[in-house]
């Protein structure tokens, strides 16, 4: 009696794991963009325009002495 070994062909069908990885990546990117708009932009705007600034800038300009010009007739 002869023994026949049937080896199945290699599975070349896509199992869908690439699609799942792409979907997870898209969800992570969308979540990162949403979190950036919720937390990142307000933080950047507050850093550029502080509301409770206690910095006082005092500028004094020197006075120009006035001299009168007289002409002799």
PDB file of N, CA and C in Angstrom:
ATOM      1  N   UNK A   1       0.845  -1.158   0.000  1.00  0.00           N
ATOM      2  CA  UNK A   1       0.000   0.000   0.000  1.00  0.00           C
ATOM      3  C   UNK A   1       0.900   1.233   0.000  1.00  0.00           C
ATOM      4  N   UNK A   2       0.562   2.206  -0.838  1.00  0.00           N
ATOM      5  CA  UNK A   2       1.363   3.403  -1.013  1.00  0.00           C
ATOM      6  C   UNK A   2       0.806   4.513  -0.144  1.00  0.00           C
ATOM      7  N   UNK A   3       1.712   5.233   0.539  1.00  0.00           N
ATOM      8  CA  UNK A   3       1.304   6.369   1.365  1.00  0.00           C
ATOM      9  C   UNK A   3       1.408   7.642   0.528  1.00  0.00           C
ATOM     10  N   UNK A   4       0.327   8.372   0.452  1.00  0.00           N
ATOM     11  CA  UNK A   4       0.294   9.619  -0.316  1.00  0.00           C
ATOM     12  C   UNK A   4       0.221  10.771   0.680  1.00  0.00           C
ATOM     13  N   UNK A   5       1.173  11.683   0.560  1.00  0.00           N
ATOM     14  CA  UNK A   5       1.205  12.858   1.435  1.00  0.00           C
ATOM     15  C   UNK A   5       0.745  14.060   0.614  1.00  0.00           C
ATOM     16  N   UNK A   6      -0.373  14.578   0.989  1.00  0.00           N
ATOM     17  CA  UNK A   6      -0.900  15.757   0.307  1.00  0.00           C
ATOM     18  C   UNK A   6      -0.474  17.005   1.084  1.00  0.00           C
ATOM     19  N   UNK A   7       0.392  17.793   0.503  1.00  0.00           N
ATOM     20  CA  UNK A   7       0.780  19.052   1.144  1.00  0.00           C
ATOM     21  C   UNK A   7      -0.107  20.156   0.580  1.00  0.00           C
ATOM     22  N   UNK A   8      -0.736  20.890   1.460  1.00  0.00           N
ATOM     23  CA  UNK A   8      -1.608  21.960   0.965  1.00  0.00           C
ATOM     24  C   UNK A   8      -0.771  23.077   0.325  1.00  0.00           C
ATOM     25  N   UNK A   9      -1.334  23.735  -0.648  1.00  0.00           N
ATOM     26  CA  UNK A   9      -0.583  24.834  -1.272  1.00  0.00           C
ATOM     27  C   UNK A   9      -0.383  25.973  -0.272  1.00  0.00           C
ATOM     28  N   UNK A  10       0.641  26.777  -0.516  1.00  0.00           N
ATOM     29  CA  UNK A  10       0.893  27.893   0.401  1.00  0.00           C
ATOM     30  C   UNK A  10      -0.251  28.886   0.316  1.00  0.00           C
ATOM     31  N   UNK A  11      -0.593  29.407   1.452  1.00  0.00           N
ATOM     32  CA  UNK A  11      -1.728  30.318   1.545  1.00  0.00           C
ATOM     33  C   UNK A  11      -1.273  31.712   1.103  1.00  0.00           C
ATOM     34  N   UNK A  12      -1.719  32.136  -0.052  1.00  0.00           N
ATOM     35  CA  UNK A  12      -1.351  33.459  -0.553  1.00  0.00           C
ATOM     36  C   UNK A  12      -2.466  34.474  -0.356  1.00  0.00           C
ATOM     37  N   UNK A  13      -3.564  34.030   0.223  1.00  0.00           N
ATOM     38  CA  UNK A  13      -4.666  34.953   0.471  1.00  0.00           C
ATOM     39  C   UNK A  13      -4.312  35.863   1.642  1.00  0.00           C
ATOM     40  N   UNK A  14      -4.740  37.121   1.549  1.00  0.00           N
ATOM     41  CA  UNK A  14      -4.496  38.078   2.623  1.00  0.00           C
ATOM     42  C   UNK A  14      -5.471  37.795   3.757  1.00  0.00           C
ATOM     43  N   UNK A  15      -4.953  37.737   4.949  1.00  0.00           N
ATOM     44  CA  UNK A  15      -5.806  37.422   6.089  1.00  0.00           C
ATOM     45  C   UNK A  15      -6.526  38.634   6.632  1.00  0.00           C
ATOM     46  N   UNK A  16      -6.191  39.816   6.168  1.00  0.00           N
ATOM     47  CA  UNK A  16      -6.859  41.017   6.645  1.00  0.00           C
ATOM     48  C   UNK A  16      -6.114  41.688   7.773  1.00  0.00           C
ATOM     49  N   UNK A  17      -4.981  41.176   8.156  1.00  0.00           N
ATOM     50  CA  UNK A  17      -4.246  41.788   9.260  1.00  0.00           C
ATOM     51  C   UNK A  17      -3.684  43.148   8.873  1.00  0.00           C
ATOM     52  N   UNK A  18      -3.371  43.337   7.589  1.00  0.00           N
ATOM     53  CA  UNK A  18      -2.889  44.646   7.151  1.00  0.00           C
ATOM     54  C   UNK A  18      -3.983  45.693   7.270  1.00  0.00           C
ATOM     55  N   UNK A  19      -5.208  45.307   6.968  1.00  0.00           N
ATOM     56  CA  UNK A  19      -6.323  46.233   7.079  1.00  0.00           C
ATOM     57  C   UNK A  19      -6.551  46.633   8.535  1.00  0.00           C
ATOM     58  N   UNK A  20      -6.446  45.697   9.439  1.00  0.00           N
ATOM     59  CA  UNK A  20      -6.628  45.992  10.861  1.00  0.00           C
ATOM     60  C   UNK A  20      -5.538  46.939  11.338  1.00  0.00           C
ATOM     61  N   UNK A  21      -4.303  46.712  10.915  1.00  0.00           N
ATOM     62  CA  UNK A  21      -3.204  47.583  11.320  1.00  0.00           C
ATOM     63  C   UNK A  21      -3.396  48.997  10.779  1.00  0.00           C
ATOM     64  N   UNK A  22      -3.870  49.116   9.556  1.00  0.00           N
ATOM     65  CA  UNK A  22      -4.109  50.434   8.972  1.00  0.00           C
ATOM     66  C   UNK A  22      -5.241  51.149   9.704  1.00  0.00           C
ATOM     67  N   UNK A  23      -6.291  50.424  10.044  1.00  0.00           N
ATOM     68  CA  UNK A  23      -7.401  51.034  10.781  1.00  0.00           C
ATOM     69  C   UNK A  23      -6.964  51.514  12.157  1.00  0.00           C
ATOM     70  N   UNK A  24      -6.152  50.725  12.843  1.00  0.00           N
ATOM     71  CA  UNK A  24      -5.643  51.138  14.161  1.00  0.00           C
ATOM     72  C   UNK A  24      -4.769  52.384  14.012  1.00  0.00           C
ATOM     73  N   UNK A  25      -3.940  52.416  12.982  1.00  0.00           N
ATOM     74  CA  UNK A  25      -3.082  53.570  12.743  1.00  0.00           C
ATOM     75  C   UNK A  25      -3.906  54.824  12.454  1.00  0.00           C
ATOM     76  N   UNK A  26      -4.957  54.691  11.671  1.00  0.00           N
ATOM     77  CA  UNK A  26      -5.821  55.829  11.367  1.00  0.00           C
ATOM     78  C   UNK A  26      -6.505  56.341  12.624  1.00  0.00           C
ATOM     79  N   UNK A  27      -6.975  55.446  13.477  1.00  0.00           N
ATOM     80  CA  UNK A  27      -7.631  55.851  14.723  1.00  0.00           C
ATOM     81  C   UNK A  27      -6.639  56.578  15.630  1.00  0.00           C
ATOM     82  N   UNK A  28      -5.404  56.090  15.700  1.00  0.00           N
ATOM     83  CA  UNK A  28      -4.394  56.738  16.547  1.00  0.00           C
ATOM     84  C   UNK A  28      -4.061  58.128  16.012  1.00  0.00           C
ATOM     85  N   UNK A  29      -3.951  58.272  14.703  1.00  0.00           N
ATOM     86  CA  UNK A  29      -3.644  59.584  14.114  1.00  0.00           C
ATOM     87  C   UNK A  29      -4.791  60.565  14.351  1.00  0.00           C
ATOM     88  N   UNK A  30      -6.014  60.101  14.187  1.00  0.00           N
ATOM     89  CA  UNK A  30      -7.168  60.978  14.430  1.00  0.00           C
ATOM     90  C   UNK A  30      -7.215  61.403  15.896  1.00  0.00           C
ATOM     91  N   UNK A  31      -6.952  60.483  16.805  1.00  0.00           N
ATOM     92  CA  UNK A  31      -6.953  60.814  18.228  1.00  0.00           C
ATOM     93  C   UNK A  31      -5.850  61.825  18.542  1.00  0.00           C
ATOM     94  N   UNK A  32      -4.682  61.684  17.925  1.00  0.00           N
ATOM     95  CA  UNK A  32      -3.584  62.623  18.165  1.00  0.00           C
ATOM     96  C   UNK A  32      -3.940  64.016  17.656  1.00  0.00           C
ATOM     97  N   UNK A  33      -4.587  64.100  16.507  1.00  0.00           N
ATOM     98  CA  UNK A  33      -4.977  65.404  15.968  1.00  0.00           C
ATOM     99  C   UNK A  33      -6.033  66.056  16.858  1.00  0.00           C
ATOM    100  N   UNK A  34      -6.998  65.283  17.318  1.00  0.00           N
ATOM    101  CA  UNK A  34      -8.041  65.827  18.197  1.00  0.00           C
ATOM    102  C   UNK A  34      -7.431  66.315  19.502  1.00  0.00           C
ATOM    103  N   UNK A  35      -6.546  65.535  20.092  1.00  0.00           N
ATOM    104  CA  UNK A  35      -5.911  65.957  21.341  1.00  0.00           C
ATOM    105  C   UNK A  35      -5.041  67.190  21.139  1.00  0.00           C
ATOM    106  N   UNK A  36      -4.411  67.309  19.968  1.00  0.00           N
ATOM    107  CA  UNK A  36      -3.621  68.499  19.683  1.00  0.00           C
ATOM    108  C   UNK A  36      -4.503  69.736  19.656  1.00  0.00           C
ATOM    109  N   UNK A  37      -5.678  69.632  19.007  1.00  0.00           N
ATOM    110  CA  UNK A  37      -6.553  70.797  18.945  1.00  0.00           C
ATOM    111  C   UNK A  37      -7.183  71.109  20.299  1.00  0.00           C
ATOM    112  N   UNK A  38      -7.403  70.105  21.133  1.00  0.00           N
ATOM    113  CA  UNK A  38      -8.017  70.353  22.436  1.00  0.00           C
ATOM    114  C   UNK A  38      -7.008  70.918  23.427  1.00  0.00           C
ATOM    115  N   UNK A  39      -5.802  70.338  23.473  1.00  0.00           N
ATOM    116  CA  UNK A  39      -4.830  70.733  24.487  1.00  0.00           C
ATOM    117  C   UNK A  39      -3.643  71.509  23.929  1.00  0.00           C
ATOM    118  N   UNK A  40      -3.176  71.165  22.754  1.00  0.00           N
ATOM    119  CA  UNK A  40      -1.955  71.763  22.231  1.00  0.00           C
ATOM    120  C   UNK A  40      -2.117  73.206  21.797  1.00  0.00           C
ATOM    121  N   UNK A  41      -3.113  73.494  20.990  1.00  0.00           N
ATOM    122  CA  UNK A  41      -3.301  74.853  20.498  1.00  0.00           C
ATOM    123  C   UNK A  41      -3.581  75.859  21.616  1.00  0.00           C
ATOM    124  N   UNK A  42      -4.453  75.577  22.570  1.00  0.00           N
ATOM    125  CA  UNK A  42      -4.628  76.547  23.658  1.00  0.00           C
ATOM    126  C   UNK A  42      -3.345  76.774  24.456  1.00  0.00           C
ATOM    127  N   UNK A  43      -2.549  75.731  24.631  1.00  0.00           N
ATOM    128  CA  UNK A  43      -1.299  75.887  25.361  1.00  0.00           C
ATOM    129  C   UNK A  43      -0.334  76.791  24.593  1.00  0.00           C
ATOM    130  N   UNK A  44      -0.281  76.621  23.278  1.00  0.00           N
ATOM    131  CA  UNK A  44       0.593  77.458  22.455  1.00  0.00           C
ATOM    132  C   UNK A  44       0.095  78.902  22.452  1.00  0.00           C
ATOM    133  N   UNK A  45      -1.213  79.099  22.361  1.00  0.00           N
ATOM    134  CA  UNK A  45      -1.754  80.453  22.344  1.00  0.00           C
ATOM    135  C   UNK A  45      -1.519  81.155  23.675  1.00  0.00           C
ATOM    136  N   UNK A  46      -1.653  80.454  24.785  1.00  0.00           N
ATOM    137  CA  UNK A  46      -1.415  81.075  26.091  1.00  0.00           C
ATOM    138  C   UNK A  46       0.054  81.379  26.303  1.00  0.00           C
ATOM    139  N   UNK A  47       0.928  80.618  25.706  1.00  0.00           N
ATOM    140  CA  UNK A  47       2.359  80.888  25.844  1.00  0.00           C
ATOM    141  C   UNK A  47       2.740  82.138  25.061  1.00  0.00           C
ATOM    142  N   UNK A  48       2.069  82.403  23.963  1.00  0.00           N
ATOM    143  CA  UNK A  48       2.390  83.585  23.167  1.00  0.00           C
ATOM    144  C   UNK A  48       1.760  84.844  23.741  1.00  0.00           C
ATOM    145  N   UNK A  49       0.593  84.734  24.331  1.00  0.00           N
ATOM    146  CA  UNK A  49      -0.124  85.898  24.864  1.00  0.00           C
ATOM    147  C   UNK A  49      -0.450  85.671  26.333  1.00  0.00           C
ATOM    148  N   UNK A  50       0.489  85.928  27.227  1.00  0.00           N
ATOM    149  CA  UNK A  50       0.181  85.702  28.649  1.00  0.00           C
ATOM    150  C   UNK A  50      -0.862  86.704  29.141  1.00  0.00           C
ATOM    151  N   UNK A  51      -1.823  86.225  29.907  1.00  0.00           N
ATOM    152  CA  UNK A  51      -2.905  87.093  30.377  1.00  0.00           C
ATOM    153  C   UNK A  51      -2.551  87.757  31.701  1.00  0.00           C
ATOM    154  N   UNK A  52      -1.790  87.099  32.537  1.00  0.00           N
ATOM    155  CA  UNK A  52      -1.474  87.670  33.842  1.00  0.00           C
ATOM    156  C   UNK A  52      -0.004  88.085  33.893  1.00  0.00           C
ATOM    157  N   UNK A  53       0.368  88.893  32.931  1.00  0.00           N
ATOM    158  CA  UNK A  53       1.750  89.334  32.855  1.00  0.00           C
ATOM    159  C   UNK A  53       1.983  90.440  33.874  1.00  0.00           C
ATOM    160  N   UNK A  54       3.045  90.319  34.638  1.00  0.00           N
ATOM    161  CA  UNK A  54       3.396  91.337  35.628  1.00  0.00           C
ATOM    162  C   UNK A  54       4.613  92.125  35.187  1.00  0.00           C
ATOM    163  N   UNK A  55       4.951  92.060  33.939  1.00  0.00           N
ATOM    164  CA  UNK A  55       6.111  92.774  33.431  1.00  0.00           C
ATOM    165  C   UNK A  55       5.740  94.218  33.159  1.00  0.00           C
ATOM    166  N   UNK A  56       6.502  95.129  33.736  1.00  0.00           N
ATOM    167  CA  UNK A  56       6.298  96.550  33.491  1.00  0.00           C
ATOM    168  C   UNK A  56       7.479  97.057  32.676  1.00  0.00           C
ATOM    169  N   UNK A  57       7.176  97.669  31.578  1.00  0.00           N
ATOM    170  CA  UNK A  57       8.220  98.230  30.729  1.00  0.00           C
ATOM    171  C   UNK A  57       8.138  99.746  30.846  1.00  0.00           C
ATOM    172  N   UNK A  58       9.151 100.333  31.457  1.00  0.00           N
ATOM    173  CA  UNK A  58       9.202 101.779  31.623  1.00  0.00           C
ATOM    174  C   UNK A  58      10.254 102.333  30.682  1.00  0.00           C
ATOM    175  N   UNK A  59       9.825 103.169  29.775  1.00  0.00           N
ATOM    176  CA  UNK A  59      10.730 103.766  28.803  1.00  0.00           C
ATOM    177  C   UNK A  59      10.783 105.262  29.072  1.00  0.00           C
ATOM    178  N   UNK A  60      11.976 105.752  29.299  1.00  0.00           N
ATOM    179  CA  UNK A  60      12.143 107.197  29.469  1.00  0.00           C
ATOM    180  C   UNK A  60      13.042 107.698  28.360  1.00  0.00           C
ATOM    181  N   UNK A  61      12.612 108.757  27.759  1.00  0.00           N
ATOM    182  CA  UNK A  61      13.409 109.341  26.684  1.00  0.00           C
ATOM    183  C   UNK A  61      14.131 110.568  27.234  1.00  0.00           C
ATOM    184  N   UNK A  62      15.342 110.794  26.805  1.00  0.00           N
ATOM    185  CA  UNK A  62      16.056 111.983  27.296  1.00  0.00           C
ATOM    186  C   UNK A  62      15.432 113.259  26.727  1.00  0.00           C
ATOM    187  N   UNK A  63      15.456 114.279  27.540  1.00  0.00           N
ATOM    188  CA  UNK A  63      14.893 115.543  27.083  1.00  0.00           C
ATOM    189  C   UNK A  63      15.931 116.277  26.248  1.00  0.00           C
ATOM    190  N   UNK A  64      15.491 116.900  25.230  1.00  0.00           N
ATOM    191  CA  UNK A  64      16.375 117.652  24.349  1.00  0.00           C
ATOM    192  C   UNK A  64      16.423 119.096  24.860  1.00  0.00           C
ATOM    193  N   UNK A  65      17.619 119.557  25.165  1.00  0.00           N
ATOM    194  CA  UNK A  65      17.680 120.949  25.662  1.00  0.00           C
ATOM    195  C   UNK A  65      17.302 121.930  24.549  1.00  0.00           C
ATOM    196  N   UNK A  66      16.518 122.872  24.943  1.00  0.00           N
ATOM    197  CA  UNK A  66      16.087 123.860  23.955  1.00  0.00           C
ATOM    198  C   UNK A  66      17.024 125.064  24.009  1.00  0.00           C
ATOM    199  N   UNK A  67      17.498 125.455  22.915  1.00  0.00           N
ATOM    200  CA  UNK A  67      18.333 126.668  22.820  1.00  0.00           C
ATOM    201  C   UNK A  67      17.670 127.605  21.847  1.00  0.00           C
ATOM    202  N   UNK A  68      17.658 128.821  22.242  1.00  0.00           N
ATOM    203  CA  UNK A  68      17.045 129.807  21.353  1.00  0.00           C
ATOM    204  C   UNK A  68      18.136 130.385  20.440  1.00  0.00           C
ATOM    205  N   UNK A  69      17.815 130.493  19.226  1.00  0.00           N
ATOM    206  CA  UNK A  69      18.750 131.041  18.251  1.00  0.00           C
ATOM    207  C   UNK A  69      18.390 132.511  18.039  1.00  0.00           C
ATOM    208  N   UNK A  70      19.343 133.339  18.305  1.00  0.00           N
ATOM    209  CA  UNK A  70      19.091 134.775  18.105  1.00  0.00           C
ATOM    210  C   UNK A  70      19.964 135.248  16.958  1.00  0.00           C
ATOM    211  N   UNK A  71      19.376 136.066  16.198  1.00  0.00           N
ATOM    212  CA  UNK A  71      20.135 136.653  15.092  1.00  0.00           C
ATOM    213  C   UNK A  71      20.472 138.094  15.393  1.00  0.00           C
ATOM    214  N   UNK A  72      21.597 138.505  15.035  1.00  0.00           N
ATOM    215  CA  UNK A  72      21.978 139.893  15.274  1.00  0.00           C
ATOM    216  C   UNK A  72      21.723 140.709  14.019  1.00  0.00           C
ATOM    217  N   UNK A  73      21.051 141.856  14.183  1.00  0.00           N
ATOM    218  CA  UNK A  73      20.749 142.662  12.980  1.00  0.00           C
ATOM    219  C   UNK A  73      21.882 143.534  12.536  1.00  0.00           C
TER     220      UNK A  73
END
